[in-house]
């Protein structure tokens, strides 16, 4: 693997937050996040909430992470690292889709540093990410799926103008309580109209 020694490319920046490429030197931070942070209780915790990794699990995670960082990055990027203006890594954003429906992508954001929760940065981060994806692709629609146990993510989607498109009620049981799967969407023309109205 040829790890670049140059500074990671910045993909988007706002007043307080920026999105940059994820690079091999981030690996220790991402390993730490696998077992730390409130995010783990909000992002499908039933899939494997853990407080520690075995040596084998950590080695496998590092290998996958470094292999991914060694690939030629696509345009647009499908993942990025969230950073504060001083450069501190705070979490990540991602984008994914299904081959059968190439005009629709789904996005997610994760603030992995607890001291940065409830500060309004999620809204700025999601706006940067959605703007970046629409500006660097011909995608028609961006969706955002979350869980009813994550009211912050629902508020962020609504603040940015995403349309609530429905819920699958009591979709999953976790710790004795059922949670809904919540679905939001944004069309390109809606995003462009909102951006134009802001001047």
N, C-alpha and C. Protein backbone atom coordinates (compact mmCIF):
# COMPACT_ATOMS: atom_id res chain seq x y z
N UNK A 1 0.84 -1.18 0.00
CA UNK A 1 0.00 0.00 0.00
C UNK A 1 0.88 1.23 0.00
N UNK A 2 0.51 2.22 -0.80
CA UNK A 2 1.25 3.47 -0.86
C UNK A 2 0.48 4.55 -0.13
N UNK A 3 0.73 4.72 1.16
CA UNK A 3 0.06 5.74 1.94
C UNK A 3 0.64 7.09 1.61
N UNK A 4 -0.21 8.02 1.28
CA UNK A 4 0.24 9.36 0.94
C UNK A 4 0.67 10.12 2.19
N UNK A 5 1.73 10.89 2.08
CA UNK A 5 2.19 11.69 3.20
C UNK A 5 1.67 13.12 3.11
N UNK A 6 0.99 13.45 2.03
CA UNK A 6 0.44 14.80 1.89
C UNK A 6 -0.83 14.92 2.72
N UNK A 7 -1.26 16.16 2.95
CA UNK A 7 -2.47 16.40 3.73
C UNK A 7 -3.68 15.82 2.99
N UNK A 8 -4.64 15.27 3.73
CA UNK A 8 -5.84 14.73 3.08
C UNK A 8 -6.60 15.82 2.34
N UNK A 9 -7.18 15.46 1.22
CA UNK A 9 -7.95 16.42 0.42
C UNK A 9 -9.22 16.81 1.14
N UNK A 10 -9.49 18.11 1.19
CA UNK A 10 -10.73 18.59 1.77
C UNK A 10 -11.81 18.55 0.70
N UNK A 11 -12.96 17.97 1.04
CA UNK A 11 -14.05 17.82 0.09
C UNK A 11 -15.08 18.93 0.20
N UNK A 12 -15.29 19.43 1.42
CA UNK A 12 -16.28 20.49 1.65
C UNK A 12 -15.97 21.12 2.99
N UNK A 13 -16.31 22.40 3.13
CA UNK A 13 -16.09 23.06 4.41
C UNK A 13 -17.19 24.06 4.69
N UNK A 14 -17.50 24.22 5.97
CA UNK A 14 -18.52 25.15 6.42
C UNK A 14 -17.95 26.08 7.47
N UNK A 15 -18.83 26.69 8.24
CA UNK A 15 -18.39 27.64 9.26
C UNK A 15 -17.56 26.97 10.35
N UNK A 16 -18.03 25.79 10.79
CA UNK A 16 -17.35 25.11 11.90
C UNK A 16 -16.77 23.75 11.52
N UNK A 17 -17.34 23.13 10.51
CA UNK A 17 -16.99 21.76 10.17
C UNK A 17 -16.43 21.65 8.76
N UNK A 18 -15.70 20.58 8.53
CA UNK A 18 -15.21 20.27 7.19
C UNK A 18 -15.31 18.77 6.97
N UNK A 19 -15.32 18.38 5.71
CA UNK A 19 -15.28 16.98 5.32
C UNK A 19 -14.01 16.77 4.51
N UNK A 20 -13.26 15.75 4.86
CA UNK A 20 -12.02 15.46 4.14
C UNK A 20 -11.93 13.98 3.85
N UNK A 21 -11.00 13.64 2.98
CA UNK A 21 -10.76 12.23 2.69
C UNK A 21 -10.31 11.50 3.96
N UNK A 22 -10.72 10.27 4.07
CA UNK A 22 -10.23 9.40 5.14
C UNK A 22 -8.92 8.78 4.66
N UNK A 23 -7.90 8.82 5.52
CA UNK A 23 -6.57 8.36 5.13
C UNK A 23 -6.04 7.32 6.12
N UNK A 24 -4.99 6.65 5.71
CA UNK A 24 -4.45 5.54 6.51
C UNK A 24 -4.07 5.98 7.93
N UNK A 25 -3.61 7.21 8.10
CA UNK A 25 -3.21 7.67 9.43
C UNK A 25 -4.39 7.85 10.38
N UNK A 26 -5.63 7.73 9.86
CA UNK A 26 -6.82 7.81 10.70
C UNK A 26 -7.13 6.49 11.40
N UNK A 27 -6.40 5.45 11.08
CA UNK A 27 -6.81 4.11 11.50
C UNK A 27 -6.95 3.98 13.01
N UNK A 28 -6.03 4.54 13.80
CA UNK A 28 -6.13 4.40 15.25
C UNK A 28 -7.40 5.07 15.79
N UNK A 29 -7.74 6.21 15.23
CA UNK A 29 -8.95 6.91 15.66
C UNK A 29 -10.19 6.08 15.36
N UNK A 30 -10.25 5.50 14.16
CA UNK A 30 -11.41 4.69 13.80
C UNK A 30 -11.48 3.41 14.62
N UNK A 31 -10.35 2.84 14.95
CA UNK A 31 -10.35 1.66 15.83
C UNK A 31 -10.92 2.05 17.19
N UNK A 32 -10.50 3.17 17.73
CA UNK A 32 -11.00 3.65 19.03
C UNK A 32 -12.52 3.84 18.97
N UNK A 33 -13.02 4.42 17.90
CA UNK A 33 -14.46 4.68 17.81
C UNK A 33 -15.29 3.40 17.79
N UNK A 34 -14.71 2.28 17.41
CA UNK A 34 -15.48 1.04 17.36
C UNK A 34 -15.97 0.61 18.74
N UNK A 35 -15.31 1.08 19.79
CA UNK A 35 -15.66 0.66 21.15
C UNK A 35 -15.96 1.84 22.08
N UNK A 36 -16.06 3.04 21.54
CA UNK A 36 -16.30 4.23 22.36
C UNK A 36 -17.33 5.14 21.68
N UNK A 37 -18.11 5.80 22.48
CA UNK A 37 -19.02 6.83 21.97
C UNK A 37 -20.48 6.43 21.97
N UNK A 38 -21.31 7.43 22.21
CA UNK A 38 -22.75 7.24 22.24
C UNK A 38 -23.30 6.79 20.89
N UNK A 39 -22.60 7.13 19.79
CA UNK A 39 -23.07 6.77 18.45
C UNK A 39 -23.40 5.29 18.34
N UNK A 40 -22.69 4.46 19.10
CA UNK A 40 -22.87 3.01 19.00
C UNK A 40 -24.26 2.57 19.48
N UNK A 41 -24.89 3.39 20.34
CA UNK A 41 -26.22 3.05 20.84
C UNK A 41 -27.33 3.57 19.93
N UNK A 42 -26.97 4.32 18.90
CA UNK A 42 -27.96 4.93 18.00
C UNK A 42 -27.91 4.37 16.59
N UNK A 43 -26.83 3.75 16.21
CA UNK A 43 -26.64 3.24 14.85
C UNK A 43 -26.79 1.72 14.84
N UNK A 44 -28.05 1.26 14.89
CA UNK A 44 -28.35 -0.19 14.88
C UNK A 44 -27.52 -0.96 15.90
N UNK A 45 -27.65 -0.64 17.20
CA UNK A 45 -26.82 -1.31 18.22
C UNK A 45 -27.02 -2.81 18.28
N UNK A 46 -28.18 -3.29 17.80
CA UNK A 46 -28.46 -4.73 17.80
C UNK A 46 -27.55 -5.49 16.84
N UNK A 47 -26.82 -4.76 15.99
CA UNK A 47 -25.90 -5.42 15.07
C UNK A 47 -24.53 -5.70 15.67
N UNK A 48 -24.32 -5.34 16.92
CA UNK A 48 -23.03 -5.67 17.51
C UNK A 48 -22.42 -4.59 18.37
N UNK A 49 -23.19 -4.06 19.31
CA UNK A 49 -22.66 -3.08 20.25
C UNK A 49 -21.60 -3.75 21.11
N UNK A 50 -20.40 -3.16 21.17
CA UNK A 50 -19.32 -3.78 21.93
C UNK A 50 -18.45 -2.73 22.60
N UNK A 51 -17.87 -3.14 23.72
CA UNK A 51 -16.99 -2.25 24.48
C UNK A 51 -15.52 -2.60 24.28
N UNK A 52 -15.25 -3.68 23.57
CA UNK A 52 -13.86 -4.05 23.30
C UNK A 52 -13.82 -4.93 22.05
N UNK A 53 -12.65 -4.98 21.44
CA UNK A 53 -12.41 -5.84 20.30
C UNK A 53 -11.36 -6.87 20.68
N UNK A 54 -11.50 -8.07 20.16
CA UNK A 54 -10.43 -9.03 20.33
C UNK A 54 -9.26 -8.60 19.45
N UNK A 55 -8.10 -9.15 19.70
CA UNK A 55 -6.93 -8.84 18.87
C UNK A 55 -7.21 -9.17 17.41
N UNK A 56 -7.87 -10.29 17.19
CA UNK A 56 -8.19 -10.71 15.82
C UNK A 56 -9.16 -9.73 15.16
N UNK A 57 -10.19 -9.30 15.90
CA UNK A 57 -11.16 -8.34 15.35
C UNK A 57 -10.48 -7.01 15.01
N UNK A 58 -9.61 -6.55 15.90
CA UNK A 58 -8.93 -5.29 15.63
C UNK A 58 -8.01 -5.41 14.42
N UNK A 59 -7.29 -6.52 14.34
CA UNK A 59 -6.40 -6.72 13.19
C UNK A 59 -7.18 -6.75 11.88
N UNK A 60 -8.34 -7.41 11.88
CA UNK A 60 -9.17 -7.48 10.68
C UNK A 60 -9.71 -6.09 10.31
N UNK A 61 -10.14 -5.34 11.33
CA UNK A 61 -10.64 -4.00 11.07
C UNK A 61 -9.55 -3.13 10.46
N UNK A 62 -8.34 -3.17 11.05
CA UNK A 62 -7.22 -2.38 10.54
C UNK A 62 -6.89 -2.77 9.09
N UNK A 63 -6.88 -4.06 8.82
CA UNK A 63 -6.55 -4.52 7.47
C UNK A 63 -7.56 -4.01 6.46
N UNK A 64 -8.86 -4.12 6.77
CA UNK A 64 -9.91 -3.64 5.87
C UNK A 64 -9.81 -2.12 5.68
N UNK A 65 -9.59 -1.41 6.78
CA UNK A 65 -9.51 0.05 6.73
C UNK A 65 -8.35 0.50 5.86
N UNK A 66 -7.18 -0.09 6.07
CA UNK A 66 -5.99 0.31 5.32
C UNK A 66 -6.09 -0.09 3.86
N UNK A 67 -6.70 -1.24 3.60
CA UNK A 67 -6.89 -1.67 2.20
C UNK A 67 -7.80 -0.68 1.48
N UNK A 68 -8.88 -0.25 2.15
CA UNK A 68 -9.79 0.71 1.56
C UNK A 68 -9.10 2.04 1.29
N UNK A 69 -8.27 2.49 2.23
CA UNK A 69 -7.55 3.76 2.06
C UNK A 69 -6.53 3.68 0.93
N UNK A 70 -6.08 2.48 0.62
CA UNK A 70 -5.09 2.31 -0.44
C UNK A 70 -5.66 2.29 -1.84
N UNK A 71 -6.99 2.20 -1.96
CA UNK A 71 -7.62 2.18 -3.29
C UNK A 71 -7.71 3.59 -3.88
N UNK A 72 -7.77 3.64 -5.18
CA UNK A 72 -8.00 4.92 -5.83
C UNK A 72 -9.41 5.39 -5.46
N UNK A 73 -9.53 6.60 -4.91
CA UNK A 73 -10.85 7.06 -4.46
C UNK A 73 -11.78 7.38 -5.61
N UNK A 74 -13.06 7.03 -5.47
CA UNK A 74 -14.03 7.35 -6.53
C UNK A 74 -14.41 8.83 -6.48
N UNK A 75 -15.03 9.29 -7.55
CA UNK A 75 -15.60 10.64 -7.59
C UNK A 75 -17.08 10.51 -7.91
N UNK A 76 -17.98 10.97 -7.05
CA UNK A 76 -17.66 11.55 -5.75
C UNK A 76 -17.25 10.47 -4.75
N UNK A 77 -16.71 10.91 -3.62
CA UNK A 77 -16.37 9.98 -2.54
C UNK A 77 -17.65 9.42 -1.95
N UNK A 78 -17.58 8.21 -1.44
CA UNK A 78 -18.72 7.60 -0.78
C UNK A 78 -18.58 7.61 0.74
N UNK A 79 -17.43 8.02 1.22
CA UNK A 79 -17.22 8.23 2.65
C UNK A 79 -16.29 9.43 2.82
N UNK A 80 -16.35 10.04 3.97
CA UNK A 80 -15.44 11.14 4.30
C UNK A 80 -15.36 11.25 5.82
N UNK A 81 -14.30 11.85 6.28
CA UNK A 81 -14.11 12.07 7.71
C UNK A 81 -14.56 13.49 8.06
N UNK A 82 -15.33 13.59 9.12
CA UNK A 82 -15.77 14.89 9.63
C UNK A 82 -14.67 15.46 10.51
N UNK A 83 -14.33 16.72 10.31
CA UNK A 83 -13.33 17.35 11.18
C UNK A 83 -13.84 18.70 11.65
N UNK A 84 -13.39 19.08 12.85
CA UNK A 84 -13.60 20.43 13.34
C UNK A 84 -12.62 21.34 12.64
N UNK A 85 -12.82 22.63 12.73
CA UNK A 85 -11.97 23.58 12.02
C UNK A 85 -10.50 23.44 12.40
N UNK A 86 -10.21 23.02 13.62
CA UNK A 86 -8.82 22.83 14.03
C UNK A 86 -8.19 21.56 13.50
N UNK A 87 -9.00 20.71 12.86
CA UNK A 87 -8.48 19.48 12.27
C UNK A 87 -8.82 18.22 13.02
N UNK A 88 -9.40 18.33 14.23
CA UNK A 88 -9.73 17.14 15.01
C UNK A 88 -10.80 16.32 14.31
N UNK A 89 -10.56 15.03 14.15
CA UNK A 89 -11.54 14.12 13.54
C UNK A 89 -12.66 13.86 14.53
N UNK A 90 -13.91 13.98 14.06
CA UNK A 90 -15.07 13.84 14.93
C UNK A 90 -15.97 12.67 14.57
N UNK A 91 -15.81 12.12 13.38
CA UNK A 91 -16.69 11.05 12.93
C UNK A 91 -16.62 10.92 11.43
N UNK A 92 -17.70 10.44 10.83
CA UNK A 92 -17.66 10.20 9.38
C UNK A 92 -19.06 10.39 8.77
N UNK A 93 -19.06 10.51 7.45
CA UNK A 93 -20.28 10.48 6.65
C UNK A 93 -20.13 9.36 5.64
N UNK A 94 -21.26 8.85 5.18
CA UNK A 94 -21.19 7.82 4.15
C UNK A 94 -22.35 7.95 3.18
N UNK A 95 -22.24 7.21 2.11
CA UNK A 95 -23.24 7.21 1.04
C UNK A 95 -23.25 5.80 0.45
N UNK A 96 -24.44 5.29 0.21
CA UNK A 96 -24.54 3.94 -0.33
C UNK A 96 -25.82 3.82 -1.14
N UNK A 97 -25.91 2.80 -1.94
CA UNK A 97 -27.09 2.61 -2.78
C UNK A 97 -27.22 1.17 -3.21
N UNK A 98 -28.18 0.94 -4.07
CA UNK A 98 -28.42 -0.39 -4.62
C UNK A 98 -28.24 -0.34 -6.12
N UNK A 99 -27.57 -1.33 -6.68
CA UNK A 99 -27.30 -1.34 -8.12
C UNK A 99 -28.58 -1.27 -8.94
N UNK A 100 -29.65 -1.83 -8.42
CA UNK A 100 -30.91 -1.85 -9.17
C UNK A 100 -31.51 -0.45 -9.29
N UNK A 101 -31.19 0.45 -8.35
CA UNK A 101 -31.76 1.80 -8.35
C UNK A 101 -30.62 2.82 -8.32
N UNK A 102 -29.92 3.01 -9.44
CA UNK A 102 -28.72 3.83 -9.46
C UNK A 102 -28.96 5.33 -9.30
N UNK A 103 -30.21 5.79 -9.42
CA UNK A 103 -30.48 7.22 -9.30
C UNK A 103 -30.81 7.65 -7.87
N UNK A 104 -30.72 6.72 -6.94
CA UNK A 104 -31.01 7.01 -5.53
C UNK A 104 -29.84 6.56 -4.67
N UNK A 105 -29.38 7.46 -3.81
CA UNK A 105 -28.39 7.11 -2.81
C UNK A 105 -28.97 7.36 -1.43
N UNK A 106 -28.44 6.65 -0.46
CA UNK A 106 -28.77 6.87 0.94
C UNK A 106 -27.54 7.42 1.64
N UNK A 107 -27.75 8.30 2.60
CA UNK A 107 -26.63 8.92 3.30
C UNK A 107 -26.76 8.69 4.80
N UNK A 108 -25.62 8.77 5.45
CA UNK A 108 -25.60 8.70 6.91
C UNK A 108 -24.50 9.59 7.44
N UNK A 109 -24.67 10.03 8.68
CA UNK A 109 -23.61 10.77 9.36
C UNK A 109 -23.46 10.19 10.75
N UNK A 110 -22.25 10.27 11.26
CA UNK A 110 -21.99 9.77 12.61
C UNK A 110 -21.00 10.70 13.30
N UNK A 111 -21.45 11.34 14.37
CA UNK A 111 -20.56 12.12 15.23
C UNK A 111 -20.11 11.16 16.32
N UNK A 112 -18.85 10.78 16.30
CA UNK A 112 -18.35 9.74 17.21
C UNK A 112 -17.73 10.29 18.49
N UNK A 113 -17.51 11.60 18.55
CA UNK A 113 -16.95 12.23 19.75
C UNK A 113 -18.09 12.85 20.54
N UNK A 114 -18.37 12.29 21.72
CA UNK A 114 -19.55 12.66 22.48
C UNK A 114 -19.62 14.14 22.85
N UNK A 115 -18.47 14.79 23.08
CA UNK A 115 -18.50 16.20 23.49
C UNK A 115 -18.98 17.11 22.36
N UNK A 116 -19.10 16.58 21.15
CA UNK A 116 -19.59 17.38 20.02
C UNK A 116 -21.05 17.10 19.69
N UNK A 117 -21.71 16.30 20.51
CA UNK A 117 -23.14 16.06 20.32
C UNK A 117 -23.94 17.23 20.88
N UNK A 118 -25.14 17.43 20.35
CA UNK A 118 -26.04 18.48 20.82
C UNK A 118 -25.47 19.88 20.66
N UNK A 119 -24.63 20.07 19.65
CA UNK A 119 -24.03 21.38 19.37
C UNK A 119 -24.50 21.95 18.05
N UNK A 120 -25.39 21.26 17.35
CA UNK A 120 -25.87 21.74 16.06
C UNK A 120 -24.96 21.43 14.89
N UNK A 121 -23.89 20.68 15.12
CA UNK A 121 -22.96 20.44 14.02
C UNK A 121 -23.47 19.37 13.06
N UNK A 122 -24.37 18.52 13.52
CA UNK A 122 -24.91 17.49 12.64
C UNK A 122 -25.62 18.09 11.43
N UNK A 123 -26.33 19.19 11.66
CA UNK A 123 -27.03 19.86 10.58
C UNK A 123 -26.04 20.41 9.56
N UNK A 124 -24.97 21.04 10.05
CA UNK A 124 -23.96 21.59 9.14
C UNK A 124 -23.27 20.47 8.36
N UNK A 125 -22.96 19.38 9.04
CA UNK A 125 -22.28 18.26 8.40
C UNK A 125 -23.15 17.64 7.32
N UNK A 126 -24.42 17.39 7.63
CA UNK A 126 -25.30 16.78 6.63
C UNK A 126 -25.50 17.71 5.44
N UNK A 127 -25.62 19.00 5.69
CA UNK A 127 -25.76 19.95 4.59
C UNK A 127 -24.53 19.93 3.68
N UNK A 128 -23.35 19.92 4.28
CA UNK A 128 -22.12 19.85 3.49
C UNK A 128 -22.08 18.59 2.64
N UNK A 129 -22.46 17.47 3.23
CA UNK A 129 -22.39 16.18 2.56
C UNK A 129 -23.39 16.09 1.41
N UNK A 130 -24.63 16.47 1.66
CA UNK A 130 -25.66 16.41 0.61
C UNK A 130 -25.29 17.36 -0.52
N UNK A 131 -24.83 18.55 -0.18
CA UNK A 131 -24.43 19.52 -1.20
C UNK A 131 -23.28 18.98 -2.05
N UNK A 132 -22.31 18.36 -1.39
CA UNK A 132 -21.16 17.77 -2.09
C UNK A 132 -21.64 16.68 -3.05
N UNK A 133 -22.51 15.81 -2.59
CA UNK A 133 -22.95 14.68 -3.43
C UNK A 133 -23.77 15.14 -4.63
N UNK A 134 -24.69 16.08 -4.43
CA UNK A 134 -25.46 16.59 -5.56
C UNK A 134 -24.56 17.34 -6.54
N UNK A 135 -23.60 18.10 -6.01
CA UNK A 135 -22.74 18.92 -6.88
C UNK A 135 -21.76 18.07 -7.70
N UNK A 136 -21.45 16.88 -7.23
CA UNK A 136 -20.43 16.06 -7.89
C UNK A 136 -21.00 14.80 -8.53
N UNK A 137 -22.29 14.80 -8.80
CA UNK A 137 -22.92 13.63 -9.42
C UNK A 137 -24.15 14.09 -10.18
N UNK A 138 -24.80 13.14 -10.85
CA UNK A 138 -26.08 13.42 -11.50
C UNK A 138 -27.22 12.72 -10.76
N UNK A 139 -26.97 12.34 -9.52
CA UNK A 139 -27.95 11.59 -8.73
C UNK A 139 -29.27 12.37 -8.65
N UNK A 140 -30.38 11.66 -8.69
CA UNK A 140 -31.71 12.29 -8.67
C UNK A 140 -32.26 12.48 -7.26
N UNK A 141 -31.95 11.53 -6.38
CA UNK A 141 -32.59 11.52 -5.07
C UNK A 141 -31.61 11.05 -4.00
N UNK A 142 -31.68 11.67 -2.84
CA UNK A 142 -30.90 11.22 -1.69
C UNK A 142 -31.87 10.89 -0.56
N UNK A 143 -31.73 9.70 -0.04
CA UNK A 143 -32.55 9.27 1.08
C UNK A 143 -31.75 9.23 2.36
N UNK A 144 -32.46 9.27 3.46
CA UNK A 144 -31.83 9.16 4.78
C UNK A 144 -32.73 8.29 5.64
N UNK A 145 -32.19 7.19 6.11
CA UNK A 145 -32.94 6.27 6.97
C UNK A 145 -32.35 6.32 8.37
N UNK A 146 -33.20 6.30 9.37
CA UNK A 146 -32.73 6.28 10.75
C UNK A 146 -33.74 5.50 11.59
N UNK A 147 -33.52 5.50 12.88
CA UNK A 147 -34.38 4.76 13.80
C UNK A 147 -35.06 5.73 14.76
N UNK A 148 -36.22 5.34 15.26
CA UNK A 148 -36.96 6.21 16.18
C UNK A 148 -36.19 6.42 17.48
N UNK A 149 -35.19 5.60 17.77
CA UNK A 149 -34.38 5.82 18.97
C UNK A 149 -33.32 6.91 18.76
N UNK A 150 -33.30 7.51 17.57
CA UNK A 150 -32.32 8.54 17.24
C UNK A 150 -33.05 9.85 16.86
N UNK A 151 -33.70 10.52 17.83
CA UNK A 151 -34.45 11.73 17.51
C UNK A 151 -33.57 12.86 16.98
N UNK A 152 -32.30 12.90 17.36
CA UNK A 152 -31.40 13.95 16.84
C UNK A 152 -31.27 13.86 15.33
N UNK A 153 -31.13 12.63 14.81
CA UNK A 153 -30.98 12.47 13.37
C UNK A 153 -32.26 12.87 12.65
N UNK A 154 -33.40 12.57 13.23
CA UNK A 154 -34.66 12.96 12.62
C UNK A 154 -34.79 14.48 12.59
N UNK A 155 -34.39 15.15 13.66
CA UNK A 155 -34.45 16.63 13.69
C UNK A 155 -33.52 17.23 12.64
N UNK A 156 -32.33 16.65 12.49
CA UNK A 156 -31.38 17.16 11.49
C UNK A 156 -31.98 17.04 10.09
N UNK A 157 -32.56 15.90 9.77
CA UNK A 157 -33.17 15.71 8.45
C UNK A 157 -34.28 16.73 8.23
N UNK A 158 -35.12 16.93 9.22
CA UNK A 158 -36.24 17.86 9.08
C UNK A 158 -35.75 19.30 8.97
N UNK A 159 -34.72 19.67 9.74
CA UNK A 159 -34.18 21.04 9.67
C UNK A 159 -33.63 21.35 8.28
N UNK A 160 -33.09 20.34 7.61
CA UNK A 160 -32.52 20.57 6.28
C UNK A 160 -33.56 20.47 5.17
N UNK A 161 -34.80 20.20 5.51
CA UNK A 161 -35.85 20.16 4.51
C UNK A 161 -36.12 18.81 3.89
N UNK A 162 -35.54 17.75 4.45
CA UNK A 162 -35.87 16.41 3.96
C UNK A 162 -37.35 16.13 4.24
N UNK A 163 -37.99 15.46 3.31
CA UNK A 163 -39.39 15.09 3.48
C UNK A 163 -39.50 13.77 4.23
N UNK A 164 -40.33 13.73 5.26
CA UNK A 164 -40.60 12.48 5.95
C UNK A 164 -41.47 11.63 5.05
N UNK A 165 -40.98 10.46 4.68
CA UNK A 165 -41.66 9.63 3.70
C UNK A 165 -42.33 8.39 4.30
N UNK A 166 -42.25 8.27 5.60
CA UNK A 166 -42.96 7.17 6.25
C UNK A 166 -42.10 6.41 7.22
N UNK A 167 -42.75 5.53 7.95
CA UNK A 167 -42.07 4.72 8.95
C UNK A 167 -42.57 3.29 8.88
N UNK A 168 -41.67 2.38 9.14
CA UNK A 168 -42.05 0.99 9.34
C UNK A 168 -42.12 0.80 10.84
N UNK A 169 -43.33 0.72 11.34
CA UNK A 169 -43.56 0.75 12.78
C UNK A 169 -43.08 -0.53 13.47
N UNK A 170 -42.49 -0.31 14.65
CA UNK A 170 -42.03 -1.42 15.50
C UNK A 170 -41.23 -2.43 14.68
N UNK A 171 -40.26 -1.91 13.95
CA UNK A 171 -39.48 -2.71 13.01
C UNK A 171 -38.50 -3.64 13.70
N UNK A 172 -37.94 -3.19 14.81
CA UNK A 172 -36.92 -3.98 15.49
C UNK A 172 -37.07 -3.83 17.00
N UNK A 173 -36.81 -4.91 17.71
CA UNK A 173 -36.86 -4.89 19.17
C UNK A 173 -35.45 -4.78 19.71
N UNK A 174 -35.27 -3.87 20.68
CA UNK A 174 -33.96 -3.67 21.30
C UNK A 174 -34.14 -3.33 22.76
N UNK A 175 -33.56 -4.15 23.61
CA UNK A 175 -33.62 -3.96 25.04
C UNK A 175 -35.05 -3.81 25.56
N UNK A 176 -35.92 -4.68 25.06
CA UNK A 176 -37.28 -4.73 25.54
C UNK A 176 -38.23 -3.70 24.96
N UNK A 177 -37.80 -2.96 23.97
CA UNK A 177 -38.65 -1.94 23.36
C UNK A 177 -38.56 -2.04 21.84
N UNK A 178 -39.71 -1.84 21.16
CA UNK A 178 -39.72 -1.84 19.70
C UNK A 178 -39.45 -0.44 19.16
N UNK A 179 -38.69 -0.38 18.05
CA UNK A 179 -38.32 0.89 17.44
C UNK A 179 -38.73 0.90 15.97
N UNK A 180 -39.15 2.09 15.51
CA UNK A 180 -39.57 2.26 14.12
C UNK A 180 -38.37 2.56 13.24
N UNK A 181 -38.47 2.14 11.97
CA UNK A 181 -37.52 2.55 10.94
C UNK A 181 -38.11 3.78 10.25
N UNK A 182 -37.38 4.90 10.29
CA UNK A 182 -37.86 6.19 9.79
C UNK A 182 -37.18 6.52 8.46
N UNK A 183 -37.97 7.00 7.49
CA UNK A 183 -37.46 7.24 6.14
C UNK A 183 -37.68 8.68 5.70
N UNK A 184 -36.61 9.31 5.20
CA UNK A 184 -36.65 10.68 4.71
C UNK A 184 -36.06 10.73 3.31
N UNK A 185 -36.45 11.75 2.53
CA UNK A 185 -35.91 11.87 1.18
C UNK A 185 -35.78 13.31 0.73
N UNK A 186 -34.84 13.53 -0.18
CA UNK A 186 -34.61 14.84 -0.79
C UNK A 186 -34.37 14.65 -2.27
N UNK A 187 -35.13 15.35 -3.12
CA UNK A 187 -34.93 15.32 -4.56
C UNK A 187 -33.95 16.42 -4.96
N UNK A 188 -33.24 16.18 -6.04
CA UNK A 188 -32.27 17.18 -6.50
C UNK A 188 -32.93 18.55 -6.70
N UNK A 189 -34.09 18.58 -7.36
CA UNK A 189 -34.71 19.88 -7.65
C UNK A 189 -35.12 20.58 -6.35
N UNK A 190 -35.52 19.80 -5.35
CA UNK A 190 -35.87 20.42 -4.07
C UNK A 190 -34.65 21.04 -3.41
N UNK A 191 -33.54 20.32 -3.47
CA UNK A 191 -32.30 20.83 -2.88
C UNK A 191 -31.84 22.09 -3.61
N UNK A 192 -31.89 22.05 -4.93
CA UNK A 192 -31.44 23.20 -5.71
C UNK A 192 -32.34 24.42 -5.47
N UNK A 193 -33.64 24.19 -5.33
CA UNK A 193 -34.56 25.29 -5.04
C UNK A 193 -34.27 25.89 -3.67
N UNK A 194 -34.01 25.05 -2.69
CA UNK A 194 -33.70 25.55 -1.35
C UNK A 194 -32.39 26.34 -1.35
N UNK A 195 -31.40 25.81 -2.07
CA UNK A 195 -30.10 26.52 -2.14
C UNK A 195 -30.27 27.87 -2.83
N UNK A 196 -31.07 27.90 -3.90
CA UNK A 196 -31.28 29.16 -4.62
C UNK A 196 -32.02 30.18 -3.75
N UNK A 197 -32.96 29.70 -2.94
CA UNK A 197 -33.74 30.61 -2.10
C UNK A 197 -32.88 31.23 -0.99
N UNK A 198 -31.77 30.59 -0.66
CA UNK A 198 -30.87 31.13 0.37
C UNK A 198 -29.95 32.20 -0.20
N UNK A 199 -29.96 32.33 -1.53
CA UNK A 199 -29.13 33.35 -2.17
C UNK A 199 -27.76 32.84 -2.43
